[in-house]
Amino acid sequence: MQPTVLSLATHETLTPLCEMLYLLRPTQNYYGQYSGGINTMSRFQGMSDADKLNDIQILNRALFFENRGVWAYSFAGGKLSTSQVGKTVLELGLQNRADHEKHQDMLRNAISELGGTPVQMEKNYDLSSYINKGQGNVDNDVNIAKLALALEIGAAVGYVSDTTKLKSPYMIELEAGIACIEAIHAARIRAAFNALGIKIPVVPSALISTSDRDTWVIKVDRAA
């Protein structure tokens, strides 16, 4: 599916680095096109078993949230209306979900190459923590978009935090690259609100991190 004008408009507000990473994002997997085909065995030479285990645990946690993201987009997509708003949210959701599916493949490959076992996707996931905080819901099209936004912001913040804990430079690069895509997803959702006539800043802060997470989310009780 080709990017719509919503995503194109968002690019104008993003940093050159994140925009470049988005345009050059992998189409298959991290170890093929993204890495340039470097021999995977040489990536982890010199890493201790403890460091490998550390990275496996962090990557598996990231994979859990990617699995949840793919499930959430599928689950919420079935609850959208056939209105113009619902169709807009669905189209954007399908685009974002496609990236999450690629992230799943990248993380699974990375975990396997490190000698770990990727966590399996579950049948259902609990989103009540977001709903209880008023960061979205599945009761109407607008609130579904707000829930997707909260999940994308959580993913971006999580990946940024992970990069400070990983041991392998290759895994740091991988998660930093994914973090940029998650931030782009969040900005695209905020751009979609503007396209639908709800005027909000597409990029409300010069930083996306735990400290300013609330600046990015849109609460259910807000007009937007």
C-alpha atoms as a PDB file:
ATOM      1  CA  MET A   1       0.000   0.000   0.000  1.00  0.00           C
ATOM      2  CA  GLN A   2       1.450   3.401  -0.986  1.00  0.00           C
ATOM      3  CA  PRO A   3       1.857   6.148   1.640  1.00  0.00           C
ATOM      4  CA  THR A   4      -0.988   8.661   1.557  1.00  0.00           C
ATOM      5  CA  VAL A   5      -0.812  12.452   1.749  1.00  0.00           C
ATOM      6  CA  LEU A   6      -1.134  12.049   5.524  1.00  0.00           C
ATOM      7  CA  SER A   7       2.255  10.403   5.829  1.00  0.00           C
ATOM      8  CA  LEU A   8       3.832  12.751   3.273  1.00  0.00           C
ATOM      9  CA  ALA A   9       2.735  15.795   5.226  1.00  0.00           C
ATOM     10  CA  THR A  10       4.237  14.347   8.361  1.00  0.00           C
ATOM     11  CA  HIS A  11       7.667  13.931   6.785  1.00  0.00           C
ATOM     12  CA  GLU A  12       8.019  17.704   6.528  1.00  0.00           C
ATOM     13  CA  THR A  13       8.042  17.955  10.316  1.00  0.00           C
ATOM     14  CA  LEU A  14      10.441  15.092  11.089  1.00  0.00           C
ATOM     15  CA  THR A  15      14.161  15.193  11.637  1.00  0.00           C
ATOM     16  CA  PRO A  16      16.281  14.392   8.572  1.00  0.00           C
ATOM     17  CA  LEU A  17      17.679  11.289  10.302  1.00  0.00           C
ATOM     18  CA  CYS A  18      14.298   9.747  11.049  1.00  0.00           C
ATOM     19  CA  GLU A  19      12.989  10.653   7.602  1.00  0.00           C
ATOM     20  CA  MET A  20      15.999   8.994   5.977  1.00  0.00           C
ATOM     21  CA  LEU A  21      15.554   5.871   8.114  1.00  0.00           C
ATOM     22  CA  TYR A  22      11.898   5.726   7.129  1.00  0.00           C
ATOM     23  CA  LEU A  23      12.580   6.028   3.414  1.00  0.00           C
ATOM     24  CA  LEU A  24      15.356   3.431   3.630  1.00  0.00           C
ATOM     25  CA  ARG A  25      13.582   1.094   6.040  1.00  0.00           C
ATOM     26  CA  PRO A  26      14.038  -2.620   5.377  1.00  0.00           C
ATOM     27  CA  THR A  27      11.570  -4.444   3.172  1.00  0.00           C
ATOM     28  CA  GLN A  28      12.613  -7.957   4.191  1.00  0.00           C
ATOM     29  CA  ASN A  29      14.683  -8.363   7.333  1.00  0.00           C
ATOM     30  CA  TYR A  30      17.411  -6.729   9.379  1.00  0.00           C
ATOM     31  CA  TYR A  31      20.074  -9.219   8.421  1.00  0.00           C
ATOM     32  CA  GLY A  32      19.511  -8.844   4.698  1.00  0.00           C
ATOM     33  CA  GLN A  33      18.902  -5.407   3.304  1.00  0.00           C
ATOM     34  CA  TYR A  34      19.211  -3.325   6.479  1.00  0.00           C
ATOM     35  CA  SER A  35      22.582  -4.730   7.464  1.00  0.00           C
ATOM     36  CA  GLY A  36      24.027  -4.964   3.986  1.00  0.00           C
ATOM     37  CA  GLY A  37      24.389  -8.729   4.313  1.00  0.00           C
ATOM     38  CA  ILE A  38      27.249  -8.743   6.833  1.00  0.00           C
ATOM     39  CA  ASN A  39      28.079 -12.235   8.048  1.00  0.00           C
ATOM     40  CA  THR A  40      25.920 -12.802  11.104  1.00  0.00           C
ATOM     41  CA  MET A  41      28.431 -15.033  12.885  1.00  0.00           C
ATOM     42  CA  SER A  42      30.962 -12.175  13.070  1.00  0.00           C
ATOM     43  CA  ARG A  43      28.447  -9.805  14.638  1.00  0.00           C
ATOM     44  CA  PHE A  44      28.561 -11.374  18.049  1.00  0.00           C
ATOM     45  CA  GLN A  45      32.161 -12.584  18.289  1.00  0.00           C
ATOM     46  CA  GLY A  46      33.631 -11.487  21.598  1.00  0.00           C
ATOM     47  CA  MET A  47      30.272 -11.176  23.336  1.00  0.00           C
ATOM     48  CA  SER A  48      30.037 -13.060  26.601  1.00  0.00           C
ATOM     49  CA  ASP A  49      27.167 -15.446  27.230  1.00  0.00           C
ATOM     50  CA  ALA A  50      25.872 -13.026  29.860  1.00  0.00           C
ATOM     51  CA  ASP A  51      25.831 -10.152  27.371  1.00  0.00           C
ATOM     52  CA  LYS A  52      24.071 -12.296  24.796  1.00  0.00           C
ATOM     53  CA  LEU A  53      21.456 -13.307  27.351  1.00  0.00           C
ATOM     54  CA  ASN A  54      20.988  -9.648  28.290  1.00  0.00           C
ATOM     55  CA  ASP A  55      20.306  -8.693  24.674  1.00  0.00           C
ATOM     56  CA  ILE A  56      18.047 -11.699  24.090  1.00  0.00           C
ATOM     57  CA  GLN A  57      15.878 -10.701  27.049  1.00  0.00           C
ATOM     58  CA  ILE A  58      15.631  -7.086  25.883  1.00  0.00           C
ATOM     59  CA  LEU A  59      14.859  -8.081  22.297  1.00  0.00           C
ATOM     60  CA  ASN A  60      12.232 -10.575  23.438  1.00  0.00           C
ATOM     61  CA  ARG A  61      10.550  -7.855  25.480  1.00  0.00           C
ATOM     62  CA  ALA A  62      10.518  -5.660  22.389  1.00  0.00           C
ATOM     63  CA  LEU A  63       9.108  -8.548  20.358  1.00  0.00           C
ATOM     64  CA  PHE A  64       6.317  -8.994  22.909  1.00  0.00           C
ATOM     65  CA  PHE A  65       5.242  -5.390  22.363  1.00  0.00           C
ATOM     66  CA  GLU A  66       5.542  -5.706  18.568  1.00  0.00           C
ATOM     67  CA  ASN A  67       3.321  -8.785  18.770  1.00  0.00           C
ATOM     68  CA  ARG A  68       0.849  -6.816  20.859  1.00  0.00           C
ATOM     69  CA  GLY A  69       0.943  -3.946  18.372  1.00  0.00           C
ATOM     70  CA  VAL A  70       0.135  -6.207  15.422  1.00  0.00           C
ATOM     71  CA  TRP A  71      -2.693  -7.799  17.403  1.00  0.00           C
ATOM     72  CA  ALA A  72      -4.041  -4.410  18.541  1.00  0.00           C
ATOM     73  CA  TYR A  73      -4.240  -3.028  15.010  1.00  0.00           C
ATOM     74  CA  SER A  74      -6.063  -6.151  13.844  1.00  0.00           C
ATOM     75  CA  PHE A  75      -8.409  -6.183  16.838  1.00  0.00           C
ATOM     76  CA  ALA A  76      -9.254  -2.477  16.699  1.00  0.00           C
ATOM     77  CA  GLY A  77      -9.550  -2.523  12.914  1.00  0.00           C
ATOM     78  CA  GLY A  78     -12.558  -4.804  13.213  1.00  0.00           C
ATOM     79  CA  LYS A  79     -14.300  -2.261  15.416  1.00  0.00           C
ATOM     80  CA  LEU A  80     -13.939   0.746  13.092  1.00  0.00           C
ATOM     81  CA  SER A  81     -16.985   2.152  11.346  1.00  0.00           C
ATOM     82  CA  THR A  82     -17.368   2.525   7.580  1.00  0.00           C
ATOM     83  CA  SER A  83     -17.468   6.329   7.886  1.00  0.00           C
ATOM     84  CA  GLN A  84     -14.765   8.510   6.324  1.00  0.00           C
ATOM     85  CA  VAL A  85     -13.084   8.794   9.708  1.00  0.00           C
ATOM     86  CA  GLY A  86     -13.164   5.031  10.155  1.00  0.00           C
ATOM     87  CA  LYS A  87     -11.740   4.450   6.685  1.00  0.00           C
ATOM     88  CA  THR A  88      -8.938   6.948   7.281  1.00  0.00           C
ATOM     89  CA  VAL A  89      -7.997   5.362  10.592  1.00  0.00           C
ATOM     90  CA  LEU A  90      -8.130   1.882   9.038  1.00  0.00           C
ATOM     91  CA  GLU A  91      -5.878   2.809   6.105  1.00  0.00           C
ATOM     92  CA  LEU A  92      -3.290   4.358   8.380  1.00  0.00           C
ATOM     93  CA  GLY A  93      -3.548   1.421  10.784  1.00  0.00           C
ATOM     94  CA  LEU A  94      -2.860  -1.061   7.994  1.00  0.00           C
ATOM     95  CA  GLN A  95       0.245   0.863   6.979  1.00  0.00           C
ATOM     96  CA  ASN A  96       1.546   0.996  10.540  1.00  0.00           C
ATOM     97  CA  ARG A  97       0.754  -2.670  11.142  1.00  0.00           C
ATOM     98  CA  ALA A  98       2.780  -3.634   8.086  1.00  0.00           C
ATOM     99  CA  ASP A  99       5.837  -1.973   9.622  1.00  0.00           C
ATOM    100  CA  HIS A 100       5.225  -3.759  12.919  1.00  0.00           C
ATOM    101  CA  GLU A 101       5.113  -7.078  11.097  1.00  0.00           C
ATOM    102  CA  LYS A 102       8.526  -6.287   9.599  1.00  0.00           C
ATOM    103  CA  HIS A 103       9.787  -5.407  13.063  1.00  0.00           C
ATOM    104  CA  GLN A 104       8.605  -8.803  14.268  1.00  0.00           C
ATOM    105  CA  ASP A 105      10.726 -10.505  11.621  1.00  0.00           C
ATOM    106  CA  MET A 106      13.782  -8.370  12.420  1.00  0.00           C
ATOM    107  CA  LEU A 107      13.572  -9.100  16.137  1.00  0.00           C
ATOM    108  CA  ARG A 108      12.925 -12.812  15.653  1.00  0.00           C
ATOM    109  CA  ASN A 109      15.976 -13.077  13.412  1.00  0.00           C
ATOM    110  CA  ALA A 110      18.121 -11.134  15.875  1.00  0.00           C
ATOM    111  CA  ILE A 111      17.041 -13.267  18.832  1.00  0.00           C
ATOM    112  CA  SER A 112      17.670 -16.482  16.929  1.00  0.00           C
ATOM    113  CA  GLU A 113      21.122 -15.366  15.782  1.00  0.00           C
ATOM    114  CA  LEU A 114      22.010 -14.620  19.405  1.00  0.00           C
ATOM    115  CA  GLY A 115      21.007 -18.180  20.309  1.00  0.00           C
ATOM    116  CA  GLY A 116      17.679 -17.332  21.917  1.00  0.00           C
ATOM    117  CA  THR A 117      14.090 -18.403  21.338  1.00  0.00           C
ATOM    118  CA  PRO A 118      11.688 -15.682  20.150  1.00  0.00           C
ATOM    119  CA  VAL A 119       8.532 -15.278  22.242  1.00  0.00           C
ATOM    120  CA  GLN A 120       5.396 -16.497  20.531  1.00  0.00           C
ATOM    121  CA  MET A 121       2.493 -14.263  19.628  1.00  0.00           C
ATOM    122  CA  GLU A 122      -0.439 -14.613  22.014  1.00  0.00           C
ATOM    123  CA  LYS A 123      -4.097 -14.889  21.027  1.00  0.00           C
ATOM    124  CA  ASN A 124      -5.129 -11.843  23.050  1.00  0.00           C
ATOM    125  CA  TYR A 125      -3.465  -8.913  24.806  1.00  0.00           C
ATOM    126  CA  ASP A 126      -4.585  -6.649  27.637  1.00  0.00           C
ATOM    127  CA  LEU A 127      -4.887  -2.962  26.728  1.00  0.00           C
ATOM    128  CA  SER A 128      -6.752  -1.974  29.882  1.00  0.00           C
ATOM    129  CA  SER A 129      -3.823   0.018  31.293  1.00  0.00           C
ATOM    130  CA  TYR A 130      -4.113   2.451  28.371  1.00  0.00           C
ATOM    131  CA  ILE A 131      -7.905   2.552  28.452  1.00  0.00           C
ATOM    132  CA  ASN A 132      -8.017   3.090  32.233  1.00  0.00           C
ATOM    133  CA  LYS A 133      -5.634   6.048  31.885  1.00  0.00           C
ATOM    134  CA  GLY A 134      -7.915   7.605  29.272  1.00  0.00           C
ATOM    135  CA  GLN A 135      -5.331   7.207  26.502  1.00  0.00           C
ATOM    136  CA  GLY A 136      -7.785   5.691  24.051  1.00  0.00           C
ATOM    137  CA  ASN A 137     -10.540   3.131  23.742  1.00  0.00           C
ATOM    138  CA  VAL A 138     -12.220   0.895  21.183  1.00  0.00           C
ATOM    139  CA  ASP A 139     -15.699   2.426  21.438  1.00  0.00           C
ATOM    140  CA  ASN A 140     -15.450   4.782  18.437  1.00  0.00           C
ATOM    141  CA  ASP A 141     -13.166   5.691  15.544  1.00  0.00           C
ATOM    142  CA  VAL A 142     -11.512   8.708  17.176  1.00  0.00           C
ATOM    143  CA  ASN A 143     -10.759   6.900  20.416  1.00  0.00           C
ATOM    144  CA  ILE A 144      -9.303   3.969  18.495  1.00  0.00           C
ATOM    145  CA  ALA A 145      -6.917   6.408  16.808  1.00  0.00           C
ATOM    146  CA  LYS A 146      -5.991   7.810  20.228  1.00  0.00           C
ATOM    147  CA  LEU A 147      -5.298   4.290  21.503  1.00  0.00           C
ATOM    148  CA  ALA A 148      -3.087   3.570  18.493  1.00  0.00           C
ATOM    149  CA  LEU A 149      -1.229   6.817  19.176  1.00  0.00           C
ATOM    150  CA  ALA A 150      -0.605   5.879  22.809  1.00  0.00           C
ATOM    151  CA  LEU A 151       0.703   2.448  21.782  1.00  0.00           C
ATOM    152  CA  GLU A 152       3.050   3.930  19.183  1.00  0.00           C
ATOM    153  CA  ILE A 153       4.403   6.485  21.650  1.00  0.00           C
ATOM    154  CA  GLY A 154       4.928   3.747  24.225  1.00  0.00           C
ATOM    155  CA  ALA A 155       6.816   1.716  21.626  1.00  0.00           C
ATOM    156  CA  ALA A 156       9.061   4.622  20.626  1.00  0.00           C
ATOM    157  CA  VAL A 157       9.883   5.452  24.245  1.00  0.00           C
ATOM    158  CA  GLY A 158      10.520   1.786  25.029  1.00  0.00           C
ATOM    159  CA  TYR A 159      12.971   1.343  22.169  1.00  0.00           C
ATOM    160  CA  VAL A 160      14.861   4.511  23.128  1.00  0.00           C
ATOM    161  CA  SER A 161      15.198   3.172  26.678  1.00  0.00           C
ATOM    162  CA  ASP A 162      16.307  -0.240  25.414  1.00  0.00           C
ATOM    163  CA  THR A 163      19.241   1.186  23.453  1.00  0.00           C
ATOM    164  CA  THR A 164      20.888   2.232  26.734  1.00  0.00           C
ATOM    165  CA  LYS A 165      20.803  -1.359  28.017  1.00  0.00           C
ATOM    166  CA  LEU A 166      21.832  -3.410  24.973  1.00  0.00           C
ATOM    167  CA  LYS A 167      25.399  -4.710  24.680  1.00  0.00           C
ATOM    168  CA  SER A 168      25.693  -5.437  20.946  1.00  0.00           C
ATOM    169  CA  PRO A 169      26.289  -2.374  18.716  1.00  0.00           C
ATOM    170  CA  TYR A 170      24.288  -4.088  15.978  1.00  0.00           C
ATOM    171  CA  MET A 171      21.294  -4.518  18.257  1.00  0.00           C
ATOM    172  CA  ILE A 172      21.588  -0.904  19.423  1.00  0.00           C
ATOM    173  CA  GLU A 173      21.458   0.196  15.779  1.00  0.00           C
ATOM    174  CA  LEU A 174      18.488  -2.063  15.120  1.00  0.00           C
ATOM    175  CA  GLU A 175      16.410  -0.815  18.042  1.00  0.00           C
ATOM    176  CA  ALA A 176      17.361   2.833  17.453  1.00  0.00           C
ATOM    177  CA  GLY A 177      16.200   2.501  13.853  1.00  0.00           C
ATOM    178  CA  ILE A 178      12.906   0.936  14.920  1.00  0.00           C
ATOM    179  CA  ALA A 179      12.419   3.703  17.505  1.00  0.00           C
ATOM    180  CA  CYS A 180      12.510   6.267  14.698  1.00  0.00           C
ATOM    181  CA  ILE A 181       9.809   4.397  12.797  1.00  0.00           C
ATOM    182  CA  GLU A 182       7.597   4.208  15.893  1.00  0.00           C
ATOM    183  CA  ALA A 183       7.977   7.973  16.365  1.00  0.00           C
ATOM    184  CA  ILE A 184       7.025   8.477  12.730  1.00  0.00           C
ATOM    185  CA  HIS A 185       3.931   6.331  13.270  1.00  0.00           C
ATOM    186  CA  ALA A 186       2.920   8.564  16.169  1.00  0.00           C
ATOM    187  CA  ALA A 187       3.415  11.716  14.108  1.00  0.00           C
ATOM    188  CA  ARG A 188       1.437  10.247  11.205  1.00  0.00           C
ATOM    189  CA  ILE A 189      -1.502   9.543  13.504  1.00  0.00           C
ATOM    190  CA  ARG A 190      -1.358  13.103  14.821  1.00  0.00           C
ATOM    191  CA  ALA A 191      -1.218  14.350  11.215  1.00  0.00           C
ATOM    192  CA  ALA A 192      -4.330  12.302  10.464  1.00  0.00           C
ATOM    193  CA  PHE A 193      -6.247  14.196  13.152  1.00  0.00           C
ATOM    194  CA  ASN A 194      -5.341  17.429  11.365  1.00  0.00           C
ATOM    195  CA  ALA A 195      -6.433  16.037   8.012  1.00  0.00           C
ATOM    196  CA  LEU A 196      -9.789  15.215   9.589  1.00  0.00           C
ATOM    197  CA  GLY A 197     -10.182  18.799  10.789  1.00  0.00           C
ATOM    198  CA  ILE A 198      -8.930  18.372  14.372  1.00  0.00           C
ATOM    199  CA  LYS A 199      -6.063  20.840  14.613  1.00  0.00           C
ATOM    200  CA  ILE A 200      -3.201  19.770  16.884  1.00  0.00           C
ATOM    201  CA  PRO A 201       0.597  20.029  16.573  1.00  0.00           C
ATOM    202  CA  VAL A 202       1.895  17.072  14.574  1.00  0.00           C
ATOM    203  CA  VAL A 203       5.125  17.101  16.566  1.00  0.00           C
ATOM    204  CA  PRO A 204       4.225  18.604  19.959  1.00  0.00           C
ATOM    205  CA  SER A 205       7.703  18.328  21.472  1.00  0.00           C
ATOM    206  CA  ALA A 206      11.309  18.379  20.326  1.00  0.00           C
ATOM    207  CA  LEU A 207      11.857  15.174  22.313  1.00  0.00           C
ATOM    208  CA  ILE A 208      10.062  11.860  22.594  1.00  0.00           C
ATOM    209  CA  SER A 209      10.965  10.121  25.845  1.00  0.00           C
ATOM    210  CA  THR A 210       9.501   8.985  29.137  1.00  0.00           C
ATOM    211  CA  SER A 211       9.679  12.522  30.521  1.00  0.00           C
ATOM    212  CA  ASP A 212       7.484  14.074  27.827  1.00  0.00           C
ATOM    213  CA  ARG A 213       5.320  11.114  26.885  1.00  0.00           C
ATOM    214  CA  ASP A 214       2.145  12.846  28.069  1.00  0.00           C
ATOM    215  CA  THR A 215       2.804  15.698  25.640  1.00  0.00           C
ATOM    216  CA  TRP A 216       2.331  13.283  22.742  1.00  0.00           C
ATOM    217  CA  VAL A 217      -0.738  11.332  23.851  1.00  0.00           C
ATOM    218  CA  ILE A 218      -4.285  12.646  23.320  1.00  0.00           C
ATOM    219  CA  LYS A 219      -6.644  11.838  26.164  1.00  0.00           C
ATOM    220  CA  VAL A 220     -10.144  10.551  25.525  1.00  0.00           C
ATOM    221  CA  ASP A 221     -11.669  13.507  27.370  1.00  0.00           C
ATOM    222  CA  ARG A 222      -9.992  16.028  25.035  1.00  0.00           C
ATOM    223  CA  ALA A 223     -11.847  17.504  22.068  1.00  0.00           C
ATOM    224  CA  ALA A 224      -9.451  15.728  19.756  1.00  0.00           C
END
